[in-house]
């Protein structure tokens, strides 16, 4: 079949590898949709999204509507005369008129093995839950939230050291591979999409800053998972007196039979890190950041601070 006319919609770094794969393919990326530029950095200057930067580097037209709900935005999208709309972490709702516009419909690159973790934060929720595996689902979009039938799945084992940042990067590359493998069948109509089992669905709600505050009553294992899930944003944190410490890396130690100290109590410090009592087991903080300072190894933090016996939280 001839090369297809493809619209692409995405915003963060996760969506860049799939866009690059399409740019390098025989298909024509006729335009790229991404969210409006946002203030960033200390100067709060407007910054383009990673997807916009990649599109401009390839001299592609970029569209940045604040919404796709009004008739003018929908008419503009229809004027591109696309065969397919590919979506990856775009961040805007696609109303039914948009879903109905491309000849072959709309497909989404979703970062989980659907129906597990439908929603906005599947990578962080998989890490928080302690899942051993996640992956990519290439699904046909419909009005429901990630409820559409799935063309292709690509599993990926979660490494015990994975953070949300490292797992996102690996899934982004896998998403590009899965999309290109599924694309021929989607475009020629030969690919069959399997319905999801709604009864097995779980919901990955959006991550909030409030979740970053460590609850030391949780188990050491759960807190260690949270530290990984909230790296690079919003970053796990705890209070030390009037200061807020950001916790960048930590590990759960084997629980002691008679654990001294209340949850949040610093039990020991040393070159290996800062050992803190939790609701079950001991958490060793290995990398942290004090206010106004760079992130550093716990041993470097301890060169300037004594925290033995302190109560965190």
C-alpha atoms as a PDB file:
ATOM      1  CA  UNK A   1       0.000   0.000   0.000  1.00  0.00           C
ATOM      2  CA  UNK A   2       1.166   3.606  -0.538  1.00  0.00           C
ATOM      3  CA  UNK A   3       2.677   5.605   2.328  1.00  0.00           C
ATOM      4  CA  UNK A   4       0.064   6.761   4.821  1.00  0.00           C
ATOM      5  CA  UNK A   5      -0.701  10.299   5.911  1.00  0.00           C
ATOM      6  CA  UNK A   6      -0.203  10.299   9.681  1.00  0.00           C
ATOM      7  CA  UNK A   7      -0.991  12.863  12.355  1.00  0.00           C
ATOM      8  CA  UNK A   8       0.985  12.565  15.584  1.00  0.00           C
ATOM      9  CA  UNK A   9      -0.088  13.854  19.008  1.00  0.00           C
ATOM     10  CA  UNK A  10       2.239  13.781  22.010  1.00  0.00           C
ATOM     11  CA  UNK A  11       3.948  16.049  24.505  1.00  0.00           C
ATOM     12  CA  UNK A  12       6.682  14.668  26.854  1.00  0.00           C
ATOM     13  CA  UNK A  13       9.981  12.916  26.193  1.00  0.00           C
ATOM     14  CA  UNK A  14       8.161   9.544  26.298  1.00  0.00           C
ATOM     15  CA  UNK A  15       6.491  10.434  22.985  1.00  0.00           C
ATOM     16  CA  UNK A  16       9.667  11.391  21.105  1.00  0.00           C
ATOM     17  CA  UNK A  17      11.038   7.955  20.040  1.00  0.00           C
ATOM     18  CA  UNK A  18       7.781   6.953  18.321  1.00  0.00           C
ATOM     19  CA  UNK A  19       7.639  10.279  16.494  1.00  0.00           C
ATOM     20  CA  UNK A  20      11.250   9.798  15.372  1.00  0.00           C
ATOM     21  CA  UNK A  21      10.420   6.299  14.126  1.00  0.00           C
ATOM     22  CA  UNK A  22       7.538   7.653  12.055  1.00  0.00           C
ATOM     23  CA  UNK A  23       9.699  10.458  10.672  1.00  0.00           C
ATOM     24  CA  UNK A  24      12.263   7.863   9.561  1.00  0.00           C
ATOM     25  CA  UNK A  25       9.590   5.600   8.036  1.00  0.00           C
ATOM     26  CA  UNK A  26       8.180   5.737   4.483  1.00  0.00           C
ATOM     27  CA  UNK A  27       4.985   7.295   5.873  1.00  0.00           C
ATOM     28  CA  UNK A  28       4.269  11.027   5.795  1.00  0.00           C
ATOM     29  CA  UNK A  29       3.864  12.751   9.158  1.00  0.00           C
ATOM     30  CA  UNK A  30       1.652  15.586   7.939  1.00  0.00           C
ATOM     31  CA  UNK A  31       1.479  17.486  11.259  1.00  0.00           C
ATOM     32  CA  UNK A  32       2.298  17.153  14.936  1.00  0.00           C
ATOM     33  CA  UNK A  33      -0.050  18.096  17.774  1.00  0.00           C
ATOM     34  CA  UNK A  34       1.380  18.928  21.187  1.00  0.00           C
ATOM     35  CA  UNK A  35       0.331  20.908  24.228  1.00  0.00           C
ATOM     36  CA  UNK A  36       0.909  24.683  24.367  1.00  0.00           C
ATOM     37  CA  UNK A  37       4.322  25.894  25.551  1.00  0.00           C
ATOM     38  CA  UNK A  38       4.572  26.023  29.363  1.00  0.00           C
ATOM     39  CA  UNK A  39       6.582  28.215  31.763  1.00  0.00           C
ATOM     40  CA  UNK A  40       9.659  26.380  33.045  1.00  0.00           C
ATOM     41  CA  UNK A  41      12.802  26.993  35.051  1.00  0.00           C
ATOM     42  CA  UNK A  42      13.598  29.760  37.477  1.00  0.00           C
ATOM     43  CA  UNK A  43      12.849  32.441  34.892  1.00  0.00           C
ATOM     44  CA  UNK A  44       9.472  30.866  34.072  1.00  0.00           C
ATOM     45  CA  UNK A  45      10.118  31.337  30.375  1.00  0.00           C
ATOM     46  CA  UNK A  46       7.821  29.580  27.941  1.00  0.00           C
ATOM     47  CA  UNK A  47       9.401  26.312  26.841  1.00  0.00           C
ATOM     48  CA  UNK A  48       8.346  24.036  23.964  1.00  0.00           C
ATOM     49  CA  UNK A  49       7.559  20.414  24.712  1.00  0.00           C
ATOM     50  CA  UNK A  50      10.098  17.717  23.770  1.00  0.00           C
ATOM     51  CA  UNK A  51       7.749  16.606  20.987  1.00  0.00           C
ATOM     52  CA  UNK A  52       7.551  20.130  19.589  1.00  0.00           C
ATOM     53  CA  UNK A  53      11.336  20.409  19.559  1.00  0.00           C
ATOM     54  CA  UNK A  54      11.625  17.114  17.662  1.00  0.00           C
ATOM     55  CA  UNK A  55       8.928  18.145  15.171  1.00  0.00           C
ATOM     56  CA  UNK A  56      10.527  21.517  14.467  1.00  0.00           C
ATOM     57  CA  UNK A  57      13.902  19.840  13.969  1.00  0.00           C
ATOM     58  CA  UNK A  58      12.261  17.762  11.234  1.00  0.00           C
ATOM     59  CA  UNK A  59      10.535  20.849   9.747  1.00  0.00           C
ATOM     60  CA  UNK A  60       7.076  19.460  10.494  1.00  0.00           C
ATOM     61  CA  UNK A  61       3.996  21.657  11.024  1.00  0.00           C
ATOM     62  CA  UNK A  62       3.125  21.962  14.730  1.00  0.00           C
ATOM     63  CA  UNK A  63      -0.371  22.578  16.107  1.00  0.00           C
ATOM     64  CA  UNK A  64      -0.899  23.527  19.769  1.00  0.00           C
ATOM     65  CA  UNK A  65      -4.598  23.994  20.496  1.00  0.00           C
ATOM     66  CA  UNK A  66      -5.579  24.434  24.135  1.00  0.00           C
ATOM     67  CA  UNK A  67      -8.491  22.065  23.485  1.00  0.00           C
ATOM     68  CA  UNK A  68      -9.885  19.880  20.725  1.00  0.00           C
ATOM     69  CA  UNK A  69     -13.473  20.324  21.858  1.00  0.00           C
ATOM     70  CA  UNK A  70     -14.393  23.329  19.698  1.00  0.00           C
ATOM     71  CA  UNK A  71     -15.482  23.083  16.071  1.00  0.00           C
ATOM     72  CA  UNK A  72     -12.635  25.241  14.724  1.00  0.00           C
ATOM     73  CA  UNK A  73      -9.928  22.983  16.190  1.00  0.00           C
ATOM     74  CA  UNK A  74     -11.724  19.909  14.892  1.00  0.00           C
ATOM     75  CA  UNK A  75     -12.033  21.414  11.415  1.00  0.00           C
ATOM     76  CA  UNK A  76      -8.311  22.240  11.399  1.00  0.00           C
ATOM     77  CA  UNK A  77      -7.482  18.658  12.334  1.00  0.00           C
ATOM     78  CA  UNK A  78      -9.787  17.250   9.645  1.00  0.00           C
ATOM     79  CA  UNK A  79      -8.126  19.467   7.015  1.00  0.00           C
ATOM     80  CA  UNK A  80      -4.906  17.454   7.340  1.00  0.00           C
ATOM     81  CA  UNK A  81      -6.753  14.587   5.595  1.00  0.00           C
ATOM     82  CA  UNK A  82      -4.991  11.947   7.689  1.00  0.00           C
ATOM     83  CA  UNK A  83      -5.213   8.178   7.378  1.00  0.00           C
ATOM     84  CA  UNK A  84      -4.293   7.670  11.054  1.00  0.00           C
ATOM     85  CA  UNK A  85      -3.780   9.661  14.238  1.00  0.00           C
ATOM     86  CA  UNK A  86      -1.100   8.247  16.566  1.00  0.00           C
ATOM     87  CA  UNK A  87      -1.255   9.432  20.185  1.00  0.00           C
ATOM     88  CA  UNK A  88       1.399   9.085  22.909  1.00  0.00           C
ATOM     89  CA  UNK A  89       0.990  10.920  26.226  1.00  0.00           C
ATOM     90  CA  UNK A  90      -0.641  13.891  24.501  1.00  0.00           C
ATOM     91  CA  UNK A  91      -2.489  15.133  27.577  1.00  0.00           C
ATOM     92  CA  UNK A  92      -5.674  16.397  25.890  1.00  0.00           C
ATOM     93  CA  UNK A  93      -8.998  14.593  25.604  1.00  0.00           C
ATOM     94  CA  UNK A  94      -9.924  13.543  22.070  1.00  0.00           C
ATOM     95  CA  UNK A  95     -13.673  14.081  21.560  1.00  0.00           C
ATOM     96  CA  UNK A  96     -15.643  11.653  19.424  1.00  0.00           C
ATOM     97  CA  UNK A  97     -15.566  13.871  16.292  1.00  0.00           C
ATOM     98  CA  UNK A  98     -11.750  13.757  16.434  1.00  0.00           C
ATOM     99  CA  UNK A  99     -11.698   9.990  16.981  1.00  0.00           C
ATOM    100  CA  UNK A 100     -13.941   9.599  13.920  1.00  0.00           C
ATOM    101  CA  UNK A 101     -11.880  11.836  11.609  1.00  0.00           C
ATOM    102  CA  UNK A 102      -8.878   9.752  10.402  1.00  0.00           C
ATOM    103  CA  UNK A 103      -9.757   7.049   7.897  1.00  0.00           C
ATOM    104  CA  UNK A 104      -8.103   4.301   9.965  1.00  0.00           C
ATOM    105  CA  UNK A 105      -9.034   5.777  13.316  1.00  0.00           C
ATOM    106  CA  UNK A 106      -6.784   6.750  16.223  1.00  0.00           C
ATOM    107  CA  UNK A 107      -4.292   4.567  18.088  1.00  0.00           C
ATOM    108  CA  UNK A 108      -2.624   5.173  21.435  1.00  0.00           C
ATOM    109  CA  UNK A 109       0.799   4.063  22.685  1.00  0.00           C
ATOM    110  CA  UNK A 110      -0.021   3.261  26.314  1.00  0.00           C
ATOM    111  CA  UNK A 111       2.682   2.448  28.875  1.00  0.00           C
ATOM    112  CA  UNK A 112       1.147  -0.594  30.565  1.00  0.00           C
ATOM    113  CA  UNK A 113      -0.197  -4.037  29.783  1.00  0.00           C
ATOM    114  CA  UNK A 114      -3.862  -3.120  29.488  1.00  0.00           C
ATOM    115  CA  UNK A 115      -6.301  -3.468  31.158  1.00  0.00           C
ATOM    116  CA  UNK A 116      -3.872  -3.039  34.079  1.00  0.00           C
ATOM    117  CA  UNK A 117      -3.142   0.616  34.851  1.00  0.00           C
ATOM    118  CA  UNK A 118      -5.501   2.535  32.644  1.00  0.00           C
ATOM    119  CA  UNK A 119      -5.078   6.253  33.193  1.00  0.00           C
ATOM    120  CA  UNK A 120      -2.545   9.044  33.545  1.00  0.00           C
ATOM    121  CA  UNK A 121       0.321   7.513  35.549  1.00  0.00           C
ATOM    122  CA  UNK A 122       0.741   3.824  34.637  1.00  0.00           C
ATOM    123  CA  UNK A 123       4.525   3.807  35.080  1.00  0.00           C
ATOM    124  CA  UNK A 124       4.514   5.289  38.579  1.00  0.00           C
ATOM    125  CA  UNK A 125       1.589   3.109  39.703  1.00  0.00           C
ATOM    126  CA  UNK A 126       3.307  -0.052  38.474  1.00  0.00           C
ATOM    127  CA  UNK A 127       6.402   0.838  40.504  1.00  0.00           C
ATOM    128  CA  UNK A 128       4.391   1.745  43.605  1.00  0.00           C
ATOM    129  CA  UNK A 129       2.524  -1.556  43.429  1.00  0.00           C
ATOM    130  CA  UNK A 130       5.715  -3.559  43.121  1.00  0.00           C
ATOM    131  CA  UNK A 131       4.759  -5.037  39.739  1.00  0.00           C
ATOM    132  CA  UNK A 132       7.389  -7.347  38.275  1.00  0.00           C
ATOM    133  CA  UNK A 133       6.369  -6.569  34.704  1.00  0.00           C
ATOM    134  CA  UNK A 134       4.873  -3.782  32.656  1.00  0.00           C
ATOM    135  CA  UNK A 135       4.974  -3.022  28.939  1.00  0.00           C
ATOM    136  CA  UNK A 136       3.378  -1.253  26.002  1.00  0.00           C
ATOM    137  CA  UNK A 137      -0.118  -1.616  24.592  1.00  0.00           C
ATOM    138  CA  UNK A 138      -0.971  -0.326  21.124  1.00  0.00           C
ATOM    139  CA  UNK A 139      -4.720   0.244  21.384  1.00  0.00           C
ATOM    140  CA  UNK A 140      -7.495   1.621  19.232  1.00  0.00           C
ATOM    141  CA  UNK A 141      -8.865   4.708  20.913  1.00  0.00           C
ATOM    142  CA  UNK A 142     -12.490   5.112  21.860  1.00  0.00           C
ATOM    143  CA  UNK A 143     -14.448   7.450  24.127  1.00  0.00           C
ATOM    144  CA  UNK A 144     -13.600   5.602  27.380  1.00  0.00           C
ATOM    145  CA  UNK A 145     -10.369   6.093  29.316  1.00  0.00           C
ATOM    146  CA  UNK A 146      -7.902   3.589  27.784  1.00  0.00           C
ATOM    147  CA  UNK A 147     -10.756   1.118  27.261  1.00  0.00           C
ATOM    148  CA  UNK A 148     -10.288   0.443  23.558  1.00  0.00           C
ATOM    149  CA  UNK A 149      -9.311  -2.909  22.034  1.00  0.00           C
ATOM    150  CA  UNK A 150      -5.603  -3.715  21.847  1.00  0.00           C
ATOM    151  CA  UNK A 151      -3.718  -4.413  18.620  1.00  0.00           C
ATOM    152  CA  UNK A 152      -0.395  -5.388  20.146  1.00  0.00           C
ATOM    153  CA  UNK A 153       1.287  -5.786  23.533  1.00  0.00           C
ATOM    154  CA  UNK A 154       5.013  -5.729  24.268  1.00  0.00           C
ATOM    155  CA  UNK A 155       5.931  -6.883  27.817  1.00  0.00           C
ATOM    156  CA  UNK A 156       8.912  -5.464  29.714  1.00  0.00           C
ATOM    157  CA  UNK A 157      10.388  -6.723  32.991  1.00  0.00           C
ATOM    158  CA  UNK A 158      10.792  -4.067  35.673  1.00  0.00           C
ATOM    159  CA  UNK A 159      14.333  -3.955  37.003  1.00  0.00           C
ATOM    160  CA  UNK A 160      14.623  -3.716  40.817  1.00  0.00           C
ATOM    161  CA  UNK A 161      16.666  -0.544  40.319  1.00  0.00           C
ATOM    162  CA  UNK A 162      14.238   1.111  37.895  1.00  0.00           C
ATOM    163  CA  UNK A 163      13.008   4.600  38.692  1.00  0.00           C
ATOM    164  CA  UNK A 164      10.082   6.234  36.925  1.00  0.00           C
ATOM    165  CA  UNK A 165      12.655   8.056  34.814  1.00  0.00           C
ATOM    166  CA  UNK A 166      14.622   5.005  33.711  1.00  0.00           C
ATOM    167  CA  UNK A 167      11.502   2.908  33.136  1.00  0.00           C
ATOM    168  CA  UNK A 168       9.885   5.691  31.103  1.00  0.00           C
ATOM    169  CA  UNK A 169      12.922   5.852  28.830  1.00  0.00           C
ATOM    170  CA  UNK A 170      12.920   2.090  28.237  1.00  0.00           C
ATOM    171  CA  UNK A 171       9.175   2.038  27.597  1.00  0.00           C
ATOM    172  CA  UNK A 172       9.452   4.956  25.184  1.00  0.00           C
ATOM    173  CA  UNK A 173      11.857   2.989  22.982  1.00  0.00           C
ATOM    174  CA  UNK A 174       9.696  -0.123  23.272  1.00  0.00           C
ATOM    175  CA  UNK A 175       6.634   1.929  22.340  1.00  0.00           C
ATOM    176  CA  UNK A 176       8.274   3.050  19.119  1.00  0.00           C
ATOM    177  CA  UNK A 177       9.156  -0.551  18.230  1.00  0.00           C
ATOM    178  CA  UNK A 178       5.665  -1.835  19.027  1.00  0.00           C
ATOM    179  CA  UNK A 179       4.009   0.928  17.006  1.00  0.00           C
ATOM    180  CA  UNK A 180       6.073   0.257  13.902  1.00  0.00           C
ATOM    181  CA  UNK A 181       5.409  -3.483  14.185  1.00  0.00           C
ATOM    182  CA  UNK A 182       1.652  -2.939  14.489  1.00  0.00           C
ATOM    183  CA  UNK A 183       1.352  -0.167  11.897  1.00  0.00           C
ATOM    184  CA  UNK A 184       1.154  -2.198   8.650  1.00  0.00           C
ATOM    185  CA  UNK A 185      -1.775  -4.297   9.874  1.00  0.00           C
ATOM    186  CA  UNK A 186      -3.585  -1.264  11.282  1.00  0.00           C
ATOM    187  CA  UNK A 187      -3.265   0.639   8.022  1.00  0.00           C
ATOM    188  CA  UNK A 188      -4.313  -2.210   5.713  1.00  0.00           C
ATOM    189  CA  UNK A 189      -7.068  -3.404   8.040  1.00  0.00           C
ATOM    190  CA  UNK A 190      -5.642  -6.879   8.587  1.00  0.00           C
ATOM    191  CA  UNK A 191      -4.794  -6.372  12.292  1.00  0.00           C
ATOM    192  CA  UNK A 192      -7.350  -7.673  14.765  1.00  0.00           C
ATOM    193  CA  UNK A 193      -7.771  -5.727  18.011  1.00  0.00           C
ATOM    194  CA  UNK A 194      -8.576  -7.813  21.107  1.00  0.00           C
ATOM    195  CA  UNK A 195     -11.192  -6.426  23.524  1.00  0.00           C
ATOM    196  CA  UNK A 196      -9.983  -5.694  27.046  1.00  0.00           C
ATOM    197  CA  UNK A 197     -11.278  -7.536  30.090  1.00  0.00           C
ATOM    198  CA  UNK A 198     -12.945  -4.675  31.965  1.00  0.00           C
ATOM    199  CA  UNK A 199     -13.258  -6.817  35.099  1.00  0.00           C
ATOM    200  CA  UNK A 200      -9.443  -6.961  35.362  1.00  0.00           C
ATOM    201  CA  UNK A 201      -8.912  -3.220  34.909  1.00  0.00           C
ATOM    202  CA  UNK A 202      -6.990  -1.105  37.427  1.00  0.00           C
ATOM    203  CA  UNK A 203      -6.804   2.685  37.408  1.00  0.00           C
ATOM    204  CA  UNK A 204      -3.553   4.679  37.415  1.00  0.00           C
ATOM    205  CA  UNK A 205      -4.601   8.034  38.828  1.00  0.00           C
ATOM    206  CA  UNK A 206      -2.414  11.070  38.280  1.00  0.00           C
ATOM    207  CA  UNK A 207       0.524  11.520  40.661  1.00  0.00           C
ATOM    208  CA  UNK A 208       0.278  14.540  42.977  1.00  0.00           C
ATOM    209  CA  UNK A 209       2.894  16.429  44.999  1.00  0.00           C
ATOM    210  CA  UNK A 210       1.099  15.449  48.210  1.00  0.00           C
ATOM    211  CA  UNK A 211       2.007  11.815  47.614  1.00  0.00           C
ATOM    212  CA  UNK A 212       5.706  12.654  47.802  1.00  0.00           C
ATOM    213  CA  UNK A 213       5.623  13.060  51.599  1.00  0.00           C
ATOM    214  CA  UNK A 214       6.950   9.803  53.096  1.00  0.00           C
ATOM    215  CA  UNK A 215       4.685   8.056  55.585  1.00  0.00           C
ATOM    216  CA  UNK A 216       7.164   6.271  57.832  1.00  0.00           C
ATOM    217  CA  UNK A 217       4.390   4.008  59.153  1.00  0.00           C
ATOM    218  CA  UNK A 218       4.485   2.164  55.828  1.00  0.00           C
ATOM    219  CA  UNK A 219       6.881  -0.728  55.294  1.00  0.00           C
ATOM    220  CA  UNK A 220      10.463  -0.121  54.226  1.00  0.00           C
ATOM    221  CA  UNK A 221       9.724  -1.962  50.961  1.00  0.00           C
ATOM    222  CA  UNK A 222       6.745   0.291  50.180  1.00  0.00           C
ATOM    223  CA  UNK A 223       8.727   3.444  50.922  1.00  0.00           C
ATOM    224  CA  UNK A 224      11.628   2.270  48.747  1.00  0.00           C
ATOM    225  CA  UNK A 225       9.174   1.706  45.891  1.00  0.00           C
ATOM    226  CA  UNK A 226       7.790   5.227  46.383  1.00  0.00           C
ATOM    227  CA  UNK A 227      11.282   6.718  46.214  1.00  0.00           C
ATOM    228  CA  UNK A 228      11.804   5.039  42.841  1.00  0.00           C
ATOM    229  CA  UNK A 229       8.313   5.874  41.560  1.00  0.00           C
ATOM    230  CA  UNK A 230       8.659   9.580  42.371  1.00  0.00           C
ATOM    231  CA  UNK A 231      12.067  10.000  40.682  1.00  0.00           C
ATOM    232  CA  UNK A 232      12.335  12.374  38.793  1.00  0.00           C
ATOM    233  CA  UNK A 233       9.034  13.969  39.908  1.00  0.00           C
ATOM    234  CA  UNK A 234       7.716  14.898  42.433  1.00  0.00           C
ATOM    235  CA  UNK A 235      10.640  13.318  44.421  1.00  0.00           C
ATOM    236  CA  UNK A 236       9.987  11.606  47.769  1.00  0.00           C
ATOM    237  CA  UNK A 237      10.557  13.898  50.736  1.00  0.00           C
ATOM    238  CA  UNK A 238      10.518  14.020  54.499  1.00  0.00           C
ATOM    239  CA  UNK A 239      10.969  16.634  57.216  1.00  0.00           C
ATOM    240  CA  UNK A 240      14.029  16.957  59.426  1.00  0.00           C
ATOM    241  CA  UNK A 241      13.068  19.620  61.954  1.00  0.00           C
ATOM    242  CA  UNK A 242      12.072  22.673  59.912  1.00  0.00           C
ATOM    243  CA  UNK A 243      13.786  21.439  56.745  1.00  0.00           C
ATOM    244  CA  UNK A 244      12.422  19.315  53.926  1.00  0.00           C
ATOM    245  CA  UNK A 245      14.818  16.653  52.659  1.00  0.00           C
ATOM    246  CA  UNK A 246      14.316  15.196  49.198  1.00  0.00           C
ATOM    247  CA  UNK A 247      15.070  11.475  49.110  1.00  0.00           C
ATOM    248  CA  UNK A 248      16.506  10.386  45.765  1.00  0.00           C
ATOM    249  CA  UNK A 249      17.601   6.824  46.512  1.00  0.00           C
ATOM    250  CA  UNK A 250      16.923   4.307  49.269  1.00  0.00           C
ATOM    251  CA  UNK A 251      16.796   0.569  49.856  1.00  0.00           C
ATOM    252  CA  UNK A 252      14.791  -1.661  52.153  1.00  0.00           C
ATOM    253  CA  UNK A 253      16.914  -3.713  54.537  1.00  0.00           C
ATOM    254  CA  UNK A 254      15.892  -7.064  55.990  1.00  0.00           C
ATOM    255  CA  UNK A 255      13.504  -6.365  58.893  1.00  0.00           C
ATOM    256  CA  UNK A 256      14.905  -6.928  62.372  1.00  0.00           C
ATOM    257  CA  UNK A 257      12.946  -9.064  64.825  1.00  0.00           C
ATOM    258  CA  UNK A 258      13.142  -6.391  67.520  1.00  0.00           C
ATOM    259  CA  UNK A 259      13.313  -3.107  65.671  1.00  0.00           C
ATOM    260  CA  UNK A 260      14.153  -0.217  68.007  1.00  0.00           C
ATOM    261  CA  UNK A 261      12.667   3.216  67.531  1.00  0.00           C
ATOM    262  CA  UNK A 262       9.401   4.588  66.285  1.00  0.00           C
ATOM    263  CA  UNK A 263       8.708   4.910  62.542  1.00  0.00           C
ATOM    264  CA  UNK A 264      10.842   7.754  61.210  1.00  0.00           C
ATOM    265  CA  UNK A 265      13.543   7.410  63.883  1.00  0.00           C
ATOM    266  CA  UNK A 266      17.125   7.436  62.590  1.00  0.00           C
ATOM    267  CA  UNK A 267      18.628   4.220  63.937  1.00  0.00           C
ATOM    268  CA  UNK A 268      22.154   4.423  62.564  1.00  0.00           C
ATOM    269  CA  UNK A 269      24.364   6.416  60.205  1.00  0.00           C
ATOM    270  CA  UNK A 270      27.528   5.542  58.370  1.00  0.00           C
ATOM    271  CA  UNK A 271      29.298   5.417  54.999  1.00  0.00           C
ATOM    272  CA  UNK A 272      26.568   3.123  53.612  1.00  0.00           C
ATOM    273  CA  UNK A 273      23.756   5.540  54.408  1.00  0.00           C
ATOM    274  CA  UNK A 274      21.139   6.609  56.937  1.00  0.00           C
ATOM    275  CA  UNK A 275      19.070   3.781  58.452  1.00  0.00           C
ATOM    276  CA  UNK A 276      15.529   4.757  59.419  1.00  0.00           C
ATOM    277  CA  UNK A 277      12.873   2.756  61.261  1.00  0.00           C
ATOM    278  CA  UNK A 278       9.599   2.222  59.393  1.00  0.00           C
ATOM    279  CA  UNK A 279       6.325   0.467  60.093  1.00  0.00           C
ATOM    280  CA  UNK A 280       8.000  -2.788  59.009  1.00  0.00           C
ATOM    281  CA  UNK A 281      11.730  -3.058  58.503  1.00  0.00           C
ATOM    282  CA  UNK A 282      14.497  -0.518  58.066  1.00  0.00           C
ATOM    283  CA  UNK A 283      14.961   1.876  55.158  1.00  0.00           C
ATOM    284  CA  UNK A 284      18.498   2.910  54.246  1.00  0.00           C
ATOM    285  CA  UNK A 285      18.676   6.339  52.596  1.00  0.00           C
ATOM    286  CA  UNK A 286      21.620   6.414  50.201  1.00  0.00           C
ATOM    287  CA  UNK A 287      21.102   9.671  48.298  1.00  0.00           C
ATOM    288  CA  UNK A 288      19.306  12.849  49.375  1.00  0.00           C
ATOM    289  CA  UNK A 289      19.114  16.604  48.929  1.00  0.00           C
ATOM    290  CA  UNK A 290      18.928  19.334  51.563  1.00  0.00           C
ATOM    291  CA  UNK A 291      17.239  22.684  50.841  1.00  0.00           C
ATOM    292  CA  UNK A 292      19.357  24.847  48.560  1.00  0.00           C
ATOM    293  CA  UNK A 293      21.900  22.060  48.044  1.00  0.00           C
ATOM    294  CA  UNK A 294      22.664  19.620  45.246  1.00  0.00           C
ATOM    295  CA  UNK A 295      21.626  16.000  45.535  1.00  0.00           C
ATOM    296  CA  UNK A 296      24.390  14.002  47.202  1.00  0.00           C
ATOM    297  CA  UNK A 297      25.339  10.644  48.620  1.00  0.00           C
ATOM    298  CA  UNK A 298      24.199  10.166  52.213  1.00  0.00           C
ATOM    299  CA  UNK A 299      27.826   9.840  53.361  1.00  0.00           C
ATOM    300  CA  UNK A 300      28.565  13.347  52.007  1.00  0.00           C
ATOM    301  CA  UNK A 301      25.483  14.741  53.731  1.00  0.00           C
ATOM    302  CA  UNK A 302      26.662  13.162  56.986  1.00  0.00           C
ATOM    303  CA  UNK A 303      30.038  14.897  56.719  1.00  0.00           C
ATOM    304  CA  UNK A 304      28.268  18.145  57.621  1.00  0.00           C
ATOM    305  CA  UNK A 305      25.293  16.904  59.653  1.00  0.00           C
ATOM    306  CA  UNK A 306      24.670  14.617  62.600  1.00  0.00           C
ATOM    307  CA  UNK A 307      21.222  13.019  62.499  1.00  0.00           C
ATOM    308  CA  UNK A 308      21.625  10.001  64.803  1.00  0.00           C
ATOM    309  CA  UNK A 309      18.460   9.588  66.835  1.00  0.00           C
ATOM    310  CA  UNK A 310      16.574  12.277  64.896  1.00  0.00           C
ATOM    311  CA  UNK A 311      12.893  11.755  64.045  1.00  0.00           C
ATOM    312  CA  UNK A 312      12.010  12.243  60.391  1.00  0.00           C
ATOM    313  CA  UNK A 313       8.580  13.200  59.144  1.00  0.00           C
END
